[in-house]
Amino acid sequence: MDLRSYQIRSRETARYPQAGANPIYPTLGLCGESGEVADKVKKVIRDRGGVFDDALRDDLKLELGDVLWYVAQLCTELGLSLEDVAVANLEKLASRAARNVIAGSGDRR
């Protein structure tokens, strides 16, 4: 599936207050779902010695799908295409790698 199709199809399931004029809701949802991913990974370190088994990978796949859904909704709310965001990100990273500034801090390095 391509990102444009995903963004369009995922929008069909957007059921939240003022969908279409509410970037706050998907932003908060993105934070929550990202936290769930982080918590599962943290517990792998704490409880499993850093070992990811197939069942855990499947659980993380579902959580990462929720993260993707919220990213797509936030893009839609902001009038951005998920594909354009992905392309811009790869271009930014390639530029940083070419200039040897991939590590470090600052949004516009």
PDB file of N, CA and C in Angstrom:
ATOM      1  N   MET A   1       0.845  -1.177   0.000  1.00  0.00           N
ATOM      2  CA  MET A   1       0.000   0.000   0.000  1.00  0.00           C
ATOM      3  C   MET A   1       0.890   1.241   0.000  1.00  0.00           C
ATOM      4  N   ASP A   2       0.504   2.234  -0.777  1.00  0.00           N
ATOM      5  CA  ASP A   2       1.262   3.478  -0.791  1.00  0.00           C
ATOM      6  C   ASP A   2       0.709   4.436   0.274  1.00  0.00           C
ATOM      7  N   LEU A   3       1.510   5.427   0.631  1.00  0.00           N
ATOM      8  CA  LEU A   3       1.136   6.334   1.725  1.00  0.00           C
ATOM      9  C   LEU A   3      -0.104   7.171   1.410  1.00  0.00           C
ATOM     10  N   ARG A   4      -0.262   7.562   0.159  1.00  0.00           N
ATOM     11  CA  ARG A   4      -1.453   8.347  -0.204  1.00  0.00           C
ATOM     12  C   ARG A   4      -2.730   7.536   0.027  1.00  0.00           C
ATOM     13  N   SER A   5      -2.714   6.291  -0.433  1.00  0.00           N
ATOM     14  CA  SER A   5      -3.878   5.424  -0.232  1.00  0.00           C
ATOM     15  C   SER A   5      -4.141   5.196   1.247  1.00  0.00           C
ATOM     16  N   TYR A   6      -3.077   4.983   2.006  1.00  0.00           N
ATOM     17  CA  TYR A   6      -3.250   4.784   3.441  1.00  0.00           C
ATOM     18  C   TYR A   6      -3.897   6.007   4.080  1.00  0.00           C
ATOM     19  N   GLN A   7      -3.411   7.185   3.731  1.00  0.00           N
ATOM     20  CA  GLN A   7      -3.962   8.406   4.336  1.00  0.00           C
ATOM     21  C   GLN A   7      -5.442   8.561   4.007  1.00  0.00           C
ATOM     22  N   ILE A   8      -5.811   8.300   2.793  1.00  0.00           N
ATOM     23  CA  ILE A   8      -7.213   8.408   2.383  1.00  0.00           C
ATOM     24  C   ILE A   8      -8.069   7.358   3.093  1.00  0.00           C
ATOM     25  N   ARG A   9      -7.624   6.112   3.069  1.00  0.00           N
ATOM     26  CA  ARG A   9      -8.420   5.039   3.686  1.00  0.00           C
ATOM     27  C   ARG A   9      -8.488   5.172   5.206  1.00  0.00           C
ATOM     28  N   SER A  10      -7.405   5.616   5.827  1.00  0.00           N
ATOM     29  CA  SER A  10      -7.425   5.753   7.288  1.00  0.00           C
ATOM     30  C   SER A  10      -8.387   6.862   7.717  1.00  0.00           C
ATOM     31  N   ARG A  11      -8.572   7.841   6.858  1.00  0.00           N
ATOM     32  CA  ARG A  11      -9.466   8.950   7.192  1.00  0.00           C
ATOM     33  C   ARG A  11     -10.914   8.481   7.335  1.00  0.00           C
ATOM     34  N   GLU A  12     -11.240   7.400   6.663  1.00  0.00           N
ATOM     35  CA  GLU A  12     -12.603   6.858   6.745  1.00  0.00           C
ATOM     36  C   GLU A  12     -12.958   6.406   8.156  1.00  0.00           C
ATOM     37  N   THR A  13     -11.959   6.176   8.989  1.00  0.00           N
ATOM     38  CA  THR A  13     -12.212   5.728  10.359  1.00  0.00           C
ATOM     39  C   THR A  13     -11.961   6.821  11.391  1.00  0.00           C
ATOM     40  N   ALA A  14     -11.791   8.052  10.933  1.00  0.00           N
ATOM     41  CA  ALA A  14     -11.540   9.175  11.861  1.00  0.00           C
ATOM     42  C   ALA A  14     -12.853   9.579  12.529  1.00  0.00           C
ATOM     43  N   ARG A  15     -12.998   9.202  13.779  1.00  0.00           N
ATOM     44  CA  ARG A  15     -14.197   9.514  14.560  1.00  0.00           C
ATOM     45  C   ARG A  15     -13.762  10.228  15.835  1.00  0.00           C
ATOM     46  N   TYR A  16     -13.601  11.526  15.730  1.00  0.00           N
ATOM     47  CA  TYR A  16     -13.251  12.307  16.906  1.00  0.00           C
ATOM     48  C   TYR A  16     -13.863  13.697  16.763  1.00  0.00           C
ATOM     49  N   PRO A  17     -13.974  14.419  17.871  1.00  0.00           N
ATOM     50  CA  PRO A  17     -14.635  15.719  17.835  1.00  0.00           C
ATOM     51  C   PRO A  17     -14.004  16.665  16.818  1.00  0.00           C
ATOM     52  N   GLN A  18     -14.834  17.257  16.005  1.00  0.00           N
ATOM     53  CA  GLN A  18     -14.433  18.251  15.013  1.00  0.00           C
ATOM     54  C   GLN A  18     -13.384  17.730  14.040  1.00  0.00           C
ATOM     55  N   ALA A  19     -13.495  16.466  13.680  1.00  0.00           N
ATOM     56  CA  ALA A  19     -12.566  15.918  12.680  1.00  0.00           C
ATOM     57  C   ALA A  19     -12.630  16.798  11.440  1.00  0.00           C
ATOM     58  N   GLY A  20     -11.487  17.213  10.974  1.00  0.00           N
ATOM     59  CA  GLY A  20     -11.402  18.119   9.840  1.00  0.00           C
ATOM     60  C   GLY A  20     -10.995  19.514  10.272  1.00  0.00           C
ATOM     61  N   ALA A  21     -11.083  19.789  11.568  1.00  0.00           N
ATOM     62  CA  ALA A  21     -10.689  21.103  12.089  1.00  0.00           C
ATOM     63  C   ALA A  21     -10.137  20.963  13.505  1.00  0.00           C
ATOM     64  N   ASN A  22      -9.456  19.852  13.768  1.00  0.00           N
ATOM     65  CA  ASN A  22      -9.016  19.593  15.133  1.00  0.00           C
ATOM     66  C   ASN A  22      -7.659  18.881  15.144  1.00  0.00           C
ATOM     67  N   PRO A  23      -6.560  19.615  14.981  1.00  0.00           N
ATOM     68  CA  PRO A  23      -5.253  18.960  15.026  1.00  0.00           C
ATOM     69  C   PRO A  23      -4.845  18.531  16.434  1.00  0.00           C
ATOM     70  N   ILE A  24      -5.507  19.045  17.451  1.00  0.00           N
ATOM     71  CA  ILE A  24      -5.134  18.726  18.828  1.00  0.00           C
ATOM     72  C   ILE A  24      -5.414  17.259  19.137  1.00  0.00           C
ATOM     73  N   TYR A  25      -6.568  16.761  18.748  1.00  0.00           N
ATOM     74  CA  TYR A  25      -6.932  15.372  19.064  1.00  0.00           C
ATOM     75  C   TYR A  25      -5.922  14.362  18.510  1.00  0.00           C
ATOM     76  N   PRO A  26      -5.593  14.408  17.207  1.00  0.00           N
ATOM     77  CA  PRO A  26      -4.611  13.430  16.734  1.00  0.00           C
ATOM     78  C   PRO A  26      -3.211  13.659  17.308  1.00  0.00           C
ATOM     79  N   THR A  27      -2.879  14.886  17.664  1.00  0.00           N
ATOM     80  CA  THR A  27      -1.583  15.130  18.299  1.00  0.00           C
ATOM     81  C   THR A  27      -1.511  14.425  19.648  1.00  0.00           C
ATOM     82  N   LEU A  28      -2.560  14.549  20.437  1.00  0.00           N
ATOM     83  CA  LEU A  28      -2.588  13.876  21.740  1.00  0.00           C
ATOM     84  C   LEU A  28      -2.627  12.359  21.578  1.00  0.00           C
ATOM     85  N   GLY A  29      -3.374  11.883  20.598  1.00  0.00           N
ATOM     86  CA  GLY A  29      -3.417  10.450  20.331  1.00  0.00           C
ATOM     87  C   GLY A  29      -2.052   9.915  19.919  1.00  0.00           C
ATOM     88  N   LEU A  30      -1.335  10.683  19.116  1.00  0.00           N
ATOM     89  CA  LEU A  30       0.012  10.301  18.695  1.00  0.00           C
ATOM     90  C   LEU A  30       0.937  10.181  19.898  1.00  0.00           C
ATOM     91  N   CYS A  31       0.840  11.127  20.807  1.00  0.00           N
ATOM     92  CA  CYS A  31       1.660  11.061  22.025  1.00  0.00           C
ATOM     93  C   CYS A  31       1.328   9.808  22.829  1.00  0.00           C
ATOM     94  N   GLY A  32       0.049   9.521  22.997  1.00  0.00           N
ATOM     95  CA  GLY A  32      -0.361   8.354  23.769  1.00  0.00           C
ATOM     96  C   GLY A  32       0.100   7.049  23.145  1.00  0.00           C
ATOM     97  N   GLU A  33      -0.098   6.906  21.843  1.00  0.00           N
ATOM     98  CA  GLU A  33       0.287   5.663  21.172  1.00  0.00           C
ATOM     99  C   GLU A  33       1.802   5.507  21.128  1.00  0.00           C
ATOM    100  N   SER A  34       2.525   6.604  20.936  1.00  0.00           N
ATOM    101  CA  SER A  34       3.992   6.537  20.964  1.00  0.00           C
ATOM    102  C   SER A  34       4.468   6.101  22.337  1.00  0.00           C
ATOM    103  N   GLY A  35       3.789   6.584  23.371  1.00  0.00           N
ATOM    104  CA  GLY A  35       4.115   6.165  24.729  1.00  0.00           C
ATOM    105  C   GLY A  35       3.881   4.683  24.934  1.00  0.00           C
ATOM    106  N   GLU A  36       2.833   4.146  24.327  1.00  0.00           N
ATOM    107  CA  GLU A  36       2.572   2.711  24.457  1.00  0.00           C
ATOM    108  C   GLU A  36       3.683   1.893  23.795  1.00  0.00           C
ATOM    109  N   VAL A  37       4.161   2.361  22.637  1.00  0.00           N
ATOM    110  CA  VAL A  37       5.283   1.679  21.977  1.00  0.00           C
ATOM    111  C   VAL A  37       6.511   1.737  22.883  1.00  0.00           C
ATOM    112  N   ALA A  38       6.801   2.916  23.397  1.00  0.00           N
ATOM    113  CA  ALA A  38       7.977   3.079  24.261  1.00  0.00           C
ATOM    114  C   ALA A  38       7.874   2.203  25.500  1.00  0.00           C
ATOM    115  N   ASP A  39       6.699   2.105  26.075  1.00  0.00           N
ATOM    116  CA  ASP A  39       6.523   1.296  27.279  1.00  0.00           C
ATOM    117  C   ASP A  39       6.762  -0.183  26.996  1.00  0.00           C
ATOM    118  N   LYS A  40       6.268  -0.667  25.867  1.00  0.00           N
ATOM    119  CA  LYS A  40       6.496  -2.080  25.513  1.00  0.00           C
ATOM    120  C   LYS A  40       7.985  -2.354  25.304  1.00  0.00           C
ATOM    121  N   VAL A  41       8.668  -1.436  24.625  1.00  0.00           N
ATOM    122  CA  VAL A  41      10.101  -1.623  24.394  1.00  0.00           C
ATOM    123  C   VAL A  41      10.869  -1.539  25.712  1.00  0.00           C
ATOM    124  N   LYS A  42      10.481  -0.616  26.587  1.00  0.00           N
ATOM    125  CA  LYS A  42      11.116  -0.498  27.901  1.00  0.00           C
ATOM    126  C   LYS A  42      11.013  -1.809  28.668  1.00  0.00           C
ATOM    127  N   LYS A  43       9.847  -2.439  28.602  1.00  0.00           N
ATOM    128  CA  LYS A  43       9.647  -3.689  29.329  1.00  0.00           C
ATOM    129  C   LYS A  43      10.450  -4.834  28.725  1.00  0.00           C
ATOM    130  N   VAL A  44      10.751  -4.763  27.434  1.00  0.00           N
ATOM    131  CA  VAL A  44      11.636  -5.758  26.824  1.00  0.00           C
ATOM    132  C   VAL A  44      13.020  -5.654  27.452  1.00  0.00           C
ATOM    133  N   ILE A  45      13.467  -4.435  27.657  1.00  0.00           N
ATOM    134  CA  ILE A  45      14.777  -4.233  28.282  1.00  0.00           C
ATOM    135  C   ILE A  45      14.742  -4.703  29.733  1.00  0.00           C
ATOM    136  N   ARG A  46      13.698  -4.318  30.456  1.00  0.00           N
ATOM    137  CA  ARG A  46      13.604  -4.636  31.876  1.00  0.00           C
ATOM    138  C   ARG A  46      13.332  -6.112  32.139  1.00  0.00           C
ATOM    139  N   ASP A  47      12.392  -6.691  31.390  1.00  0.00           N
ATOM    140  CA  ASP A  47      11.897  -8.028  31.725  1.00  0.00           C
ATOM    141  C   ASP A  47      12.413  -9.151  30.834  1.00  0.00           C
ATOM    142  N   ARG A  48      12.916  -8.826  29.659  1.00  0.00           N
ATOM    143  CA  ARG A  48      13.263  -9.875  28.687  1.00  0.00           C
ATOM    144  C   ARG A  48      14.714  -9.819  28.231  1.00  0.00           C
ATOM    145  N   GLY A  49      15.521  -9.020  28.916  1.00  0.00           N
ATOM    146  CA  GLY A  49      16.934  -8.933  28.529  1.00  0.00           C
ATOM    147  C   GLY A  49      17.143  -8.406  27.127  1.00  0.00           C
ATOM    148  N   GLY A  50      16.198  -7.603  26.640  1.00  0.00           N
ATOM    149  CA  GLY A  50      16.323  -7.012  25.310  1.00  0.00           C
ATOM    150  C   GLY A  50      15.927  -7.930  24.165  1.00  0.00           C
ATOM    151  N   VAL A  51      15.297  -9.062  24.472  1.00  0.00           N
ATOM    152  CA  VAL A  51      14.938 -10.043  23.439  1.00  0.00           C
ATOM    153  C   VAL A  51      13.494  -9.810  22.977  1.00  0.00           C
ATOM    154  N   PHE A  52      13.341  -9.592  21.691  1.00  0.00           N
ATOM    155  CA  PHE A  52      12.025  -9.408  21.074  1.00  0.00           C
ATOM    156  C   PHE A  52      11.602 -10.729  20.436  1.00  0.00           C
ATOM    157  N   ASP A  53      10.507 -11.302  20.915  1.00  0.00           N
ATOM    158  CA  ASP A  53      10.010 -12.528  20.281  1.00  0.00           C
ATOM    159  C   ASP A  53       8.915 -12.164  19.270  1.00  0.00           C
ATOM    160  N   ASP A  54       8.427 -13.171  18.551  1.00  0.00           N
ATOM    161  CA  ASP A  54       7.432 -12.929  17.500  1.00  0.00           C
ATOM    162  C   ASP A  54       6.145 -12.325  18.048  1.00  0.00           C
ATOM    163  N   ALA A  55       5.700 -12.797  19.206  1.00  0.00           N
ATOM    164  CA  ALA A  55       4.457 -12.274  19.783  1.00  0.00           C
ATOM    165  C   ALA A  55       4.604 -10.791  20.113  1.00  0.00           C
ATOM    166  N   LEU A  56       5.741 -10.424  20.651  1.00  0.00           N
ATOM    167  CA  LEU A  56       5.960  -9.019  20.983  1.00  0.00           C
ATOM    168  C   LEU A  56       6.070  -8.172  19.720  1.00  0.00           C
ATOM    169  N   ARG A  57       6.727  -8.699  18.709  1.00  0.00           N
ATOM    170  CA  ARG A  57       6.794  -7.974  17.435  1.00  0.00           C
ATOM    171  C   ARG A  57       5.387  -7.741  16.866  1.00  0.00           C
ATOM    172  N   ASP A  58       4.537  -8.745  16.982  1.00  0.00           N
ATOM    173  CA  ASP A  58       3.154  -8.587  16.522  1.00  0.00           C
ATOM    174  C   ASP A  58       2.427  -7.510  17.319  1.00  0.00           C
ATOM    175  N   ASP A  59       2.630  -7.491  18.644  1.00  0.00           N
ATOM    176  CA  ASP A  59       2.024  -6.454  19.483  1.00  0.00           C
ATOM    177  C   ASP A  59       2.538  -5.067  19.074  1.00  0.00           C
ATOM    178  N   LEU A  60       3.833  -4.969  18.842  1.00  0.00           N
ATOM    179  CA  LEU A  60       4.409  -3.683  18.444  1.00  0.00           C
ATOM    180  C   LEU A  60       3.929  -3.259  17.063  1.00  0.00           C
ATOM    181  N   LYS A  61       3.719  -4.221  16.176  1.00  0.00           N
ATOM    182  CA  LYS A  61       3.182  -3.899  14.849  1.00  0.00           C
ATOM    183  C   LYS A  61       1.821  -3.217  14.981  1.00  0.00           C
ATOM    184  N   LEU A  62       0.990  -3.730  15.866  1.00  0.00           N
ATOM    185  CA  LEU A  62      -0.327  -3.125  16.083  1.00  0.00           C
ATOM    186  C   LEU A  62      -0.199  -1.718  16.662  1.00  0.00           C
ATOM    187  N   GLU A  63       0.672  -1.558  17.643  1.00  0.00           N
ATOM    188  CA  GLU A  63       0.864  -0.233  18.256  1.00  0.00           C
ATOM    189  C   GLU A  63       1.453   0.753  17.253  1.00  0.00           C
ATOM    190  N   LEU A  64       2.415   0.301  16.458  1.00  0.00           N
ATOM    191  CA  LEU A  64       2.998   1.175  15.438  1.00  0.00           C
ATOM    192  C   LEU A  64       1.966   1.555  14.378  1.00  0.00           C
ATOM    193  N   GLY A  65       1.049   0.649  14.108  1.00  0.00           N
ATOM    194  CA  GLY A  65      -0.054   0.989  13.203  1.00  0.00           C
ATOM    195  C   GLY A  65      -0.904   2.105  13.768  1.00  0.00           C
ATOM    196  N   ASP A  66      -1.136   2.078  15.082  1.00  0.00           N
ATOM    197  CA  ASP A  66      -1.891   3.169  15.716  1.00  0.00           C
ATOM    198  C   ASP A  66      -1.122   4.485  15.626  1.00  0.00           C
ATOM    199  N   VAL A  67       0.199   4.422  15.804  1.00  0.00           N
ATOM    200  CA  VAL A  67       1.032   5.626  15.649  1.00  0.00           C
ATOM    201  C   VAL A  67       0.879   6.166  14.228  1.00  0.00           C
ATOM    202  N   LEU A  68       0.977   5.278  13.249  1.00  0.00           N
ATOM    203  CA  LEU A  68       0.849   5.687  11.849  1.00  0.00           C
ATOM    204  C   LEU A  68      -0.516   6.320  11.580  1.00  0.00           C
ATOM    205  N   TRP A  69      -1.566   5.748  12.158  1.00  0.00           N
ATOM    206  CA  TRP A  69      -2.912   6.278  11.970  1.00  0.00           C
ATOM    207  C   TRP A  69      -2.990   7.723  12.475  1.00  0.00           C
ATOM    208  N   TYR A  70      -2.474   7.950  13.662  1.00  0.00           N
ATOM    209  CA  TYR A  70      -2.514   9.306  14.207  1.00  0.00           C
ATOM    210  C   TYR A  70      -1.651  10.272  13.409  1.00  0.00           C
ATOM    211  N   VAL A  71      -0.498   9.828  12.915  1.00  0.00           N
ATOM    212  CA  VAL A  71       0.333  10.686  12.064  1.00  0.00           C
ATOM    213  C   VAL A  71      -0.455  11.053  10.800  1.00  0.00           C
ATOM    214  N   ALA A  72      -1.115  10.076  10.211  1.00  0.00           N
ATOM    215  CA  ALA A  72      -1.906  10.343   9.006  1.00  0.00           C
ATOM    216  C   ALA A  72      -3.034  11.332   9.287  1.00  0.00           C
ATOM    217  N   GLN A  73      -3.708  11.186  10.432  1.00  0.00           N
ATOM    218  CA  GLN A  73      -4.803  12.114  10.754  1.00  0.00           C
ATOM    219  C   GLN A  73      -4.271  13.524  10.999  1.00  0.00           C
ATOM    220  N   LEU A  74      -3.138  13.624  11.674  1.00  0.00           N
ATOM    221  CA  LEU A  74      -2.553  14.944  11.923  1.00  0.00           C
ATOM    222  C   LEU A  74      -2.132  15.592  10.612  1.00  0.00           C
ATOM    223  N   CYS A  75      -1.553  14.808   9.717  1.00  0.00           N
ATOM    224  CA  CYS A  75      -1.217  15.342   8.392  1.00  0.00           C
ATOM    225  C   CYS A  75      -2.466  15.881   7.698  1.00  0.00           C
ATOM    226  N   THR A  76      -3.532  15.110   7.719  1.00  0.00           N
ATOM    227  CA  THR A  76      -4.770  15.533   7.079  1.00  0.00           C
ATOM    228  C   THR A  76      -5.298  16.815   7.714  1.00  0.00           C
ATOM    229  N   GLU A  77      -5.291  16.857   9.034  1.00  0.00           N
ATOM    230  CA  GLU A  77      -5.767  18.057   9.730  1.00  0.00           C
ATOM    231  C   GLU A  77      -4.960  19.296   9.343  1.00  0.00           C
ATOM    232  N   LEU A  78      -3.679  19.117   9.077  1.00  0.00           N
ATOM    233  CA  LEU A  78      -2.804  20.239   8.743  1.00  0.00           C
ATOM    234  C   LEU A  78      -2.710  20.496   7.248  1.00  0.00           C
ATOM    235  N   GLY A  79      -3.448  19.715   6.454  1.00  0.00           N
ATOM    236  CA  GLY A  79      -3.424  19.889   5.004  1.00  0.00           C
ATOM    237  C   GLY A  79      -2.138  19.408   4.361  1.00  0.00           C
ATOM    238  N   LEU A  80      -1.491  18.453   4.990  1.00  0.00           N
ATOM    239  CA  LEU A  80      -0.251  17.877   4.475  1.00  0.00           C
ATOM    240  C   LEU A  80      -0.510  16.475   3.954  1.00  0.00           C
ATOM    241  N   SER A  81       0.256  16.089   2.955  1.00  0.00           N
ATOM    242  CA  SER A  81       0.159  14.704   2.515  1.00  0.00           C
ATOM    243  C   SER A  81       1.214  13.896   3.259  1.00  0.00           C
ATOM    244  N   LEU A  82       0.831  12.714   3.695  1.00  0.00           N
ATOM    245  CA  LEU A  82       1.744  11.818   4.391  1.00  0.00           C
ATOM    246  C   LEU A  82       2.939  11.501   3.497  1.00  0.00           C
ATOM    247  N   GLU A  83       2.695  11.355   2.225  1.00  0.00           N
ATOM    248  CA  GLU A  83       3.780  11.078   1.278  1.00  0.00           C
ATOM    249  C   GLU A  83       4.763  12.241   1.222  1.00  0.00           C
ATOM    250  N   ASP A  84       4.265  13.478   1.158  1.00  0.00           N
ATOM    251  CA  ASP A  84       5.148  14.647   1.138  1.00  0.00           C
ATOM    252  C   ASP A  84       5.978  14.746   2.415  1.00  0.00           C
ATOM    253  N   VAL A  85       5.369  14.417   3.547  1.00  0.00           N
ATOM    254  CA  VAL A  85       6.090  14.424   4.820  1.00  0.00           C
ATOM    255  C   VAL A  85       7.214  13.390   4.778  1.00  0.00           C
ATOM    256  N   ALA A  86       6.917  12.199   4.273  1.00  0.00           N
ATOM    257  CA  ALA A  86       7.924  11.142   4.197  1.00  0.00           C
ATOM    258  C   ALA A  86       9.066  11.530   3.257  1.00  0.00           C
ATOM    259  N   VAL A  87       8.734  12.085   2.115  1.00  0.00           N
ATOM    260  CA  VAL A  87       9.764  12.499   1.148  1.00  0.00           C
ATOM    261  C   VAL A  87      10.626  13.612   1.744  1.00  0.00           C
ATOM    262  N   ALA A  88      10.004  14.593   2.375  1.00  0.00           N
ATOM    263  CA  ALA A  88      10.754  15.690   2.991  1.00  0.00           C
ATOM    264  C   ALA A  88      11.691  15.174   4.076  1.00  0.00           C
ATOM    265  N   ASN A  89      11.240  14.179   4.831  1.00  0.00           N
ATOM    266  CA  ASN A  89      12.074  13.616   5.876  1.00  0.00           C
ATOM    267  C   ASN A  89      13.306  12.927   5.287  1.00  0.00           C
ATOM    268  N   LEU A  90      13.117  12.139   4.230  1.00  0.00           N
ATOM    269  CA  LEU A  90      14.252  11.472   3.597  1.00  0.00           C
ATOM    270  C   LEU A  90      15.226  12.478   2.995  1.00  0.00           C
ATOM    271  N   GLU A  91      14.695  13.538   2.404  1.00  0.00           N
ATOM    272  CA  GLU A  91      15.563  14.579   1.846  1.00  0.00           C
ATOM    273  C   GLU A  91      16.363  15.274   2.947  1.00  0.00           C
ATOM    274  N   LYS A  92      15.714  15.568   4.062  1.00  0.00           N
ATOM    275  CA  LYS A  92      16.392  16.201   5.189  1.00  0.00           C
ATOM    276  C   LYS A  92      17.508  15.305   5.704  1.00  0.00           C
ATOM    277  N   LEU A  93      17.217  14.025   5.890  1.00  0.00           N
ATOM    278  CA  LEU A  93      18.222  13.099   6.408  1.00  0.00           C
ATOM    279  C   LEU A  93      19.371  12.908   5.432  1.00  0.00           C
ATOM    280  N   ALA A  94      19.083  12.841   4.139  1.00  0.00           N
ATOM    281  CA  ALA A  94      20.137  12.707   3.135  1.00  0.00           C
ATOM    282  C   ALA A  94      21.040  13.938   3.141  1.00  0.00           C
ATOM    283  N   SER A  95      20.446  15.102   3.288  1.00  0.00           N
ATOM    284  CA  SER A  95      21.230  16.335   3.355  1.00  0.00           C
ATOM    285  C   SER A  95      22.134  16.348   4.581  1.00  0.00           C
ATOM    286  N   ARG A  96      21.589  15.940   5.709  1.00  0.00           N
ATOM    287  CA  ARG A  96      22.397  15.886   6.934  1.00  0.00           C
ATOM    288  C   ARG A  96      23.534  14.883   6.794  1.00  0.00           C
ATOM    289  N   ALA A  97      23.237  13.732   6.203  1.00  0.00           N
ATOM    290  CA  ALA A  97      24.281  12.716   6.024  1.00  0.00           C
ATOM    291  C   ALA A  97      25.375  13.247   5.100  1.00  0.00           C
ATOM    292  N   ALA A  98      24.980  13.924   4.020  1.00  0.00           N
ATOM    293  CA  ALA A  98      25.954  14.460   3.072  1.00  0.00           C
ATOM    294  C   ALA A  98      26.831  15.533   3.717  1.00  0.00           C
ATOM    295  N   ARG A  99      26.276  16.271   4.662  1.00  0.00           N
ATOM    296  CA  ARG A  99      27.027  17.334   5.341  1.00  0.00           C
ATOM    297  C   ARG A  99      27.657  16.846   6.640  1.00  0.00           C
ATOM    298  N   ASN A 100      27.513  15.539   6.910  1.00  0.00           N
ATOM    299  CA  ASN A 100      28.058  14.922   8.118  1.00  0.00           C
ATOM    300  C   ASN A 100      27.540  15.573   9.392  1.00  0.00           C
ATOM    301  N   VAL A 101      26.245  15.897   9.400  1.00  0.00           N
ATOM    302  CA  VAL A 101      25.610  16.448  10.615  1.00  0.00           C
ATOM    303  C   VAL A 101      24.382  15.631  10.997  1.00  0.00           C
ATOM    304  N   ILE A 102      24.407  14.352  10.673  1.00  0.00           N
ATOM    305  CA  ILE A 102      23.256  13.497  10.989  1.00  0.00           C
ATOM    306  C   ILE A 102      23.084  13.376  12.498  1.00  0.00           C
ATOM    307  N   ALA A 103      24.192  13.400  13.245  1.00  0.00           N
ATOM    308  CA  ALA A 103      24.128  13.409  14.699  1.00  0.00           C
ATOM    309  C   ALA A 103      24.122  14.864  15.162  1.00  0.00           C
ATOM    310  N   GLY A 104      23.712  15.066  16.382  1.00  0.00           N
ATOM    311  CA  GLY A 104      23.683  16.420  16.910  1.00  0.00           C
ATOM    312  C   GLY A 104      22.270  16.846  17.227  1.00  0.00           C
ATOM    313  N   SER A 105      22.091  18.132  17.413  1.00  0.00           N
ATOM    314  CA  SER A 105      20.759  18.624  17.745  1.00  0.00           C
ATOM    315  C   SER A 105      20.437  19.848  16.902  1.00  0.00           C
ATOM    316  N   GLY A 106      19.171  20.195  16.889  1.00  0.00           N
ATOM    317  CA  GLY A 106      18.704  21.327  16.105  1.00  0.00           C
ATOM    318  C   GLY A 106      17.872  20.856  14.930  1.00  0.00           C
ATOM    319  N   ASP A 107      16.681  21.439  14.780  1.00  0.00           N
ATOM    320  CA  ASP A 107      15.778  21.020  13.722  1.00  0.00           C
ATOM    321  C   ASP A 107      16.314  21.332  12.334  1.00  0.00           C
ATOM    322  N   ARG A 108      17.010  22.447  12.172  1.00  0.00           N
ATOM    323  CA  ARG A 108      17.427  22.894  10.832  1.00  0.00           C
ATOM    324  C   ARG A 108      18.933  22.836  10.638  1.00  0.00           C
ATOM    325  N   ARG A 109      19.578  21.811  11.188  1.00  0.00           N
ATOM    326  CA  ARG A 109      21.032  21.696  11.024  1.00  0.00           C
ATOM    327  C   ARG A 109      21.394  21.156   9.657  1.00  0.00           C
TER     328      ARG A 109
END
